[in-house]
């Protein structure tokens, strides 16, 4: 496997690990222990939302990059020759 083929899965794995860690921190700090209701202005919730948005933006950028880098030819006659 080429090095470039491993970049996207590795970045997804790293983002997933950070998301897991931040979610565990959020569960431990952003909710009241007695009632289970969310606290207002919990910083870990904002960080988790920002991380999710960043991952979505990076996924779209990687998809656009892959579409432009690996564009197929429009000549289909070669496929049936």
N, C-alpha and C. Protein backbone atom coordinates (compact mmCIF):
# COMPACT_ATOMS: atom_id res chain seq x y z
N UNK A 1 0.85 -1.17 0.00
CA UNK A 1 0.00 0.00 0.00
C UNK A 1 0.90 1.24 0.00
N UNK A 2 0.52 2.22 -0.80
CA UNK A 2 1.29 3.45 -0.87
C UNK A 2 1.10 4.27 0.40
N UNK A 3 2.09 5.13 0.65
CA UNK A 3 1.99 6.00 1.83
C UNK A 3 0.78 6.92 1.75
N UNK A 4 0.48 7.40 0.55
CA UNK A 4 -0.64 8.32 0.41
C UNK A 4 -1.99 7.64 0.67
N UNK A 5 -2.04 6.33 0.47
CA UNK A 5 -3.29 5.61 0.72
C UNK A 5 -3.55 5.42 2.22
N UNK A 6 -2.53 5.56 3.03
CA UNK A 6 -2.69 5.34 4.47
C UNK A 6 -2.97 6.64 5.23
N UNK A 7 -2.90 7.77 4.56
CA UNK A 7 -3.05 9.05 5.25
C UNK A 7 -4.46 9.24 5.78
N UNK A 8 -5.46 9.02 4.95
CA UNK A 8 -6.85 9.27 5.36
C UNK A 8 -7.29 8.32 6.49
N UNK A 9 -7.01 7.01 6.41
CA UNK A 9 -7.39 6.15 7.54
C UNK A 9 -6.67 6.49 8.84
N UNK A 10 -5.41 6.89 8.74
CA UNK A 10 -4.67 7.26 9.95
C UNK A 10 -5.25 8.53 10.56
N UNK A 11 -5.57 9.51 9.73
CA UNK A 11 -6.19 10.73 10.25
C UNK A 11 -7.56 10.45 10.86
N UNK A 12 -8.32 9.55 10.25
CA UNK A 12 -9.62 9.18 10.81
C UNK A 12 -9.46 8.48 12.16
N UNK A 13 -8.44 7.64 12.27
CA UNK A 13 -8.18 6.95 13.53
C UNK A 13 -7.77 7.94 14.63
N UNK A 14 -6.93 8.90 14.28
CA UNK A 14 -6.50 9.91 15.25
C UNK A 14 -7.68 10.78 15.68
N UNK A 15 -8.49 11.21 14.72
CA UNK A 15 -9.67 12.02 15.06
C UNK A 15 -10.65 11.24 15.92
N UNK A 16 -10.81 9.95 15.64
CA UNK A 16 -11.69 9.12 16.46
C UNK A 16 -11.18 8.96 17.88
N UNK A 17 -9.86 8.82 18.02
CA UNK A 17 -9.28 8.70 19.36
C UNK A 17 -9.47 10.00 20.15
N UNK A 18 -9.22 11.15 19.50
CA UNK A 18 -9.44 12.42 20.18
C UNK A 18 -10.91 12.60 20.53
N UNK A 19 -11.80 12.21 19.62
CA UNK A 19 -13.23 12.31 19.89
C UNK A 19 -13.65 11.45 21.06
N UNK A 20 -13.09 10.25 21.15
CA UNK A 20 -13.40 9.35 22.26
C UNK A 20 -12.94 9.95 23.59
N UNK A 21 -11.73 10.48 23.60
CA UNK A 21 -11.19 11.06 24.83
C UNK A 21 -12.00 12.28 25.26
N UNK A 22 -12.32 13.15 24.31
CA UNK A 22 -13.10 14.34 24.65
C UNK A 22 -14.51 13.96 25.09
N UNK A 23 -15.10 12.94 24.47
CA UNK A 23 -16.44 12.51 24.88
C UNK A 23 -16.41 11.95 26.30
N UNK A 24 -15.38 11.20 26.65
CA UNK A 24 -15.28 10.69 28.02
C UNK A 24 -15.14 11.84 29.01
N UNK A 25 -14.35 12.85 28.64
CA UNK A 25 -14.23 14.03 29.51
C UNK A 25 -15.57 14.74 29.64
N UNK A 26 -16.32 14.81 28.52
CA UNK A 26 -17.62 15.47 28.55
C UNK A 26 -18.59 14.73 29.46
N UNK A 27 -18.62 13.42 29.37
CA UNK A 27 -19.52 12.63 30.21
C UNK A 27 -19.18 12.83 31.69
N UNK A 28 -17.89 12.94 31.99
CA UNK A 28 -17.48 13.09 33.39
C UNK A 28 -17.68 14.50 33.93
N UNK A 29 -17.67 15.53 33.06
CA UNK A 29 -17.69 16.90 33.58
C UNK A 29 -18.90 17.72 33.16
N UNK A 30 -19.54 17.41 32.06
CA UNK A 30 -20.59 18.30 31.52
C UNK A 30 -21.99 17.96 32.02
N UNK A 31 -22.13 16.92 32.80
CA UNK A 31 -23.45 16.54 33.29
C UNK A 31 -23.45 16.53 34.81
N UNK A 32 -24.58 16.96 35.39
CA UNK A 32 -24.71 16.92 36.84
C UNK A 32 -24.87 15.48 37.29
N UNK A 33 -24.17 15.11 38.34
CA UNK A 33 -24.20 13.72 38.78
C UNK A 33 -25.54 13.33 39.42
N UNK A 34 -26.20 14.27 40.06
CA UNK A 34 -27.45 13.96 40.76
C UNK A 34 -28.62 13.78 39.79
N UNK A 35 -28.73 14.67 38.81
CA UNK A 35 -29.89 14.64 37.92
C UNK A 35 -29.58 14.07 36.54
N UNK A 36 -28.33 14.17 36.11
CA UNK A 36 -27.97 13.71 34.78
C UNK A 36 -28.21 14.74 33.69
N UNK A 37 -28.68 15.94 34.09
CA UNK A 37 -28.91 17.00 33.12
C UNK A 37 -27.59 17.66 32.73
N UNK A 38 -27.55 18.17 31.51
CA UNK A 38 -26.34 18.85 31.03
C UNK A 38 -26.20 20.21 31.70
N UNK A 39 -24.96 20.58 31.96
CA UNK A 39 -24.67 21.90 32.52
C UNK A 39 -24.52 22.89 31.38
N UNK A 40 -24.88 24.13 31.65
CA UNK A 40 -24.71 25.18 30.64
C UNK A 40 -23.24 25.56 30.51
N UNK A 41 -22.85 25.94 29.31
CA UNK A 41 -21.51 26.45 29.02
C UNK A 41 -20.41 25.45 29.37
N UNK A 42 -20.64 24.19 29.09
CA UNK A 42 -19.61 23.18 29.31
C UNK A 42 -18.58 23.29 28.18
N UNK A 43 -17.33 23.50 28.55
CA UNK A 43 -16.30 23.72 27.54
C UNK A 43 -16.01 22.46 26.73
N UNK A 44 -16.15 21.29 27.33
CA UNK A 44 -15.86 20.06 26.58
C UNK A 44 -16.89 19.83 25.48
N UNK A 45 -18.11 20.28 25.69
CA UNK A 45 -19.13 20.15 24.65
C UNK A 45 -18.77 21.01 23.45
N UNK A 46 -18.32 22.23 23.71
CA UNK A 46 -17.90 23.12 22.62
C UNK A 46 -16.70 22.56 21.88
N UNK A 47 -15.76 21.98 22.61
CA UNK A 47 -14.58 21.38 21.98
C UNK A 47 -15.00 20.20 21.11
N UNK A 48 -15.92 19.39 21.59
CA UNK A 48 -16.39 18.24 20.82
C UNK A 48 -17.11 18.68 19.56
N UNK A 49 -17.91 19.73 19.64
CA UNK A 49 -18.59 20.26 18.46
C UNK A 49 -17.57 20.80 17.45
N UNK A 50 -16.56 21.51 17.94
CA UNK A 50 -15.52 22.05 17.05
C UNK A 50 -14.73 20.93 16.38
N UNK A 51 -14.41 19.88 17.13
CA UNK A 51 -13.69 18.74 16.55
C UNK A 51 -14.53 18.06 15.48
N UNK A 52 -15.81 17.91 15.73
CA UNK A 52 -16.70 17.29 14.74
C UNK A 52 -16.76 18.13 13.47
N UNK A 53 -16.88 19.43 13.62
CA UNK A 53 -16.89 20.31 12.45
C UNK A 53 -15.59 20.26 11.67
N UNK A 54 -14.47 20.22 12.38
CA UNK A 54 -13.16 20.13 11.73
C UNK A 54 -13.02 18.84 10.94
N UNK A 55 -13.47 17.74 11.52
CA UNK A 55 -13.38 16.45 10.83
C UNK A 55 -14.27 16.44 9.58
N UNK A 56 -15.44 17.05 9.66
CA UNK A 56 -16.32 17.12 8.49
C UNK A 56 -15.67 17.95 7.39
N UNK A 57 -15.10 19.09 7.75
CA UNK A 57 -14.43 19.94 6.75
C UNK A 57 -13.26 19.21 6.11
N UNK A 58 -12.45 18.53 6.92
CA UNK A 58 -11.30 17.79 6.37
C UNK A 58 -11.75 16.65 5.47
N UNK A 59 -12.83 15.98 5.83
CA UNK A 59 -13.32 14.88 4.99
C UNK A 59 -13.79 15.39 3.64
N UNK A 60 -14.47 16.53 3.63
CA UNK A 60 -14.92 17.11 2.36
C UNK A 60 -13.72 17.55 1.53
N UNK A 61 -12.72 18.17 2.16
CA UNK A 61 -11.53 18.58 1.42
C UNK A 61 -10.77 17.40 0.84
N UNK A 62 -10.63 16.32 1.61
CA UNK A 62 -9.96 15.13 1.10
C UNK A 62 -10.75 14.50 -0.04
N UNK A 63 -12.07 14.53 0.05
CA UNK A 63 -12.89 13.98 -1.04
C UNK A 63 -12.73 14.80 -2.31
N UNK A 64 -12.73 16.12 -2.17
CA UNK A 64 -12.53 16.98 -3.35
C UNK A 64 -11.14 16.80 -3.93
N UNK A 65 -10.15 16.65 -3.07
CA UNK A 65 -8.78 16.41 -3.55
C UNK A 65 -8.69 15.08 -4.29
N UNK A 66 -9.32 14.06 -3.75
CA UNK A 66 -9.29 12.75 -4.41
C UNK A 66 -10.02 12.78 -5.74
N UNK A 67 -11.11 13.55 -5.82
CA UNK A 67 -11.85 13.64 -7.08
C UNK A 67 -11.03 14.33 -8.16
N UNK A 68 -10.28 15.35 -7.79
CA UNK A 68 -9.49 16.07 -8.79
C UNK A 68 -8.20 15.32 -9.13
N UNK A 69 -7.63 14.65 -8.16
CA UNK A 69 -6.36 13.95 -8.40
C UNK A 69 -6.57 12.67 -9.21
N UNK A 70 -7.63 11.97 -8.98
CA UNK A 70 -7.87 10.68 -9.63
C UNK A 70 -9.04 10.77 -10.61
N UNK A 71 -9.08 11.82 -11.40
CA UNK A 71 -10.17 12.02 -12.35
C UNK A 71 -10.02 11.04 -13.51
N UNK A 72 -11.11 10.41 -13.89
CA UNK A 72 -11.11 9.44 -14.99
C UNK A 72 -11.20 10.17 -16.33
N UNK A 73 -10.74 9.49 -17.36
CA UNK A 73 -10.86 10.04 -18.71
C UNK A 73 -12.32 9.99 -19.15
N UNK A 74 -12.70 10.93 -20.00
CA UNK A 74 -14.06 10.96 -20.52
C UNK A 74 -14.23 10.10 -21.76
N UNK A 75 -13.15 9.50 -22.22
CA UNK A 75 -13.19 8.68 -23.42
C UNK A 75 -13.50 7.23 -23.02
N UNK A 76 -14.75 6.82 -23.20
CA UNK A 76 -15.15 5.47 -22.82
C UNK A 76 -14.88 4.45 -23.92
N UNK A 77 -14.50 4.90 -25.10
CA UNK A 77 -14.25 3.99 -26.21
C UNK A 77 -13.08 3.06 -25.91
N UNK A 78 -12.11 3.54 -25.14
CA UNK A 78 -10.95 2.71 -24.80
C UNK A 78 -11.37 1.53 -23.92
N UNK A 79 -12.40 1.69 -23.13
CA UNK A 79 -12.83 0.62 -22.23
C UNK A 79 -13.44 -0.54 -22.99
N UNK A 80 -14.04 -0.28 -24.15
CA UNK A 80 -14.71 -1.33 -24.90
C UNK A 80 -13.92 -1.77 -26.13
N UNK A 81 -12.72 -1.28 -26.30
CA UNK A 81 -11.92 -1.63 -27.48
C UNK A 81 -11.14 -2.90 -27.26
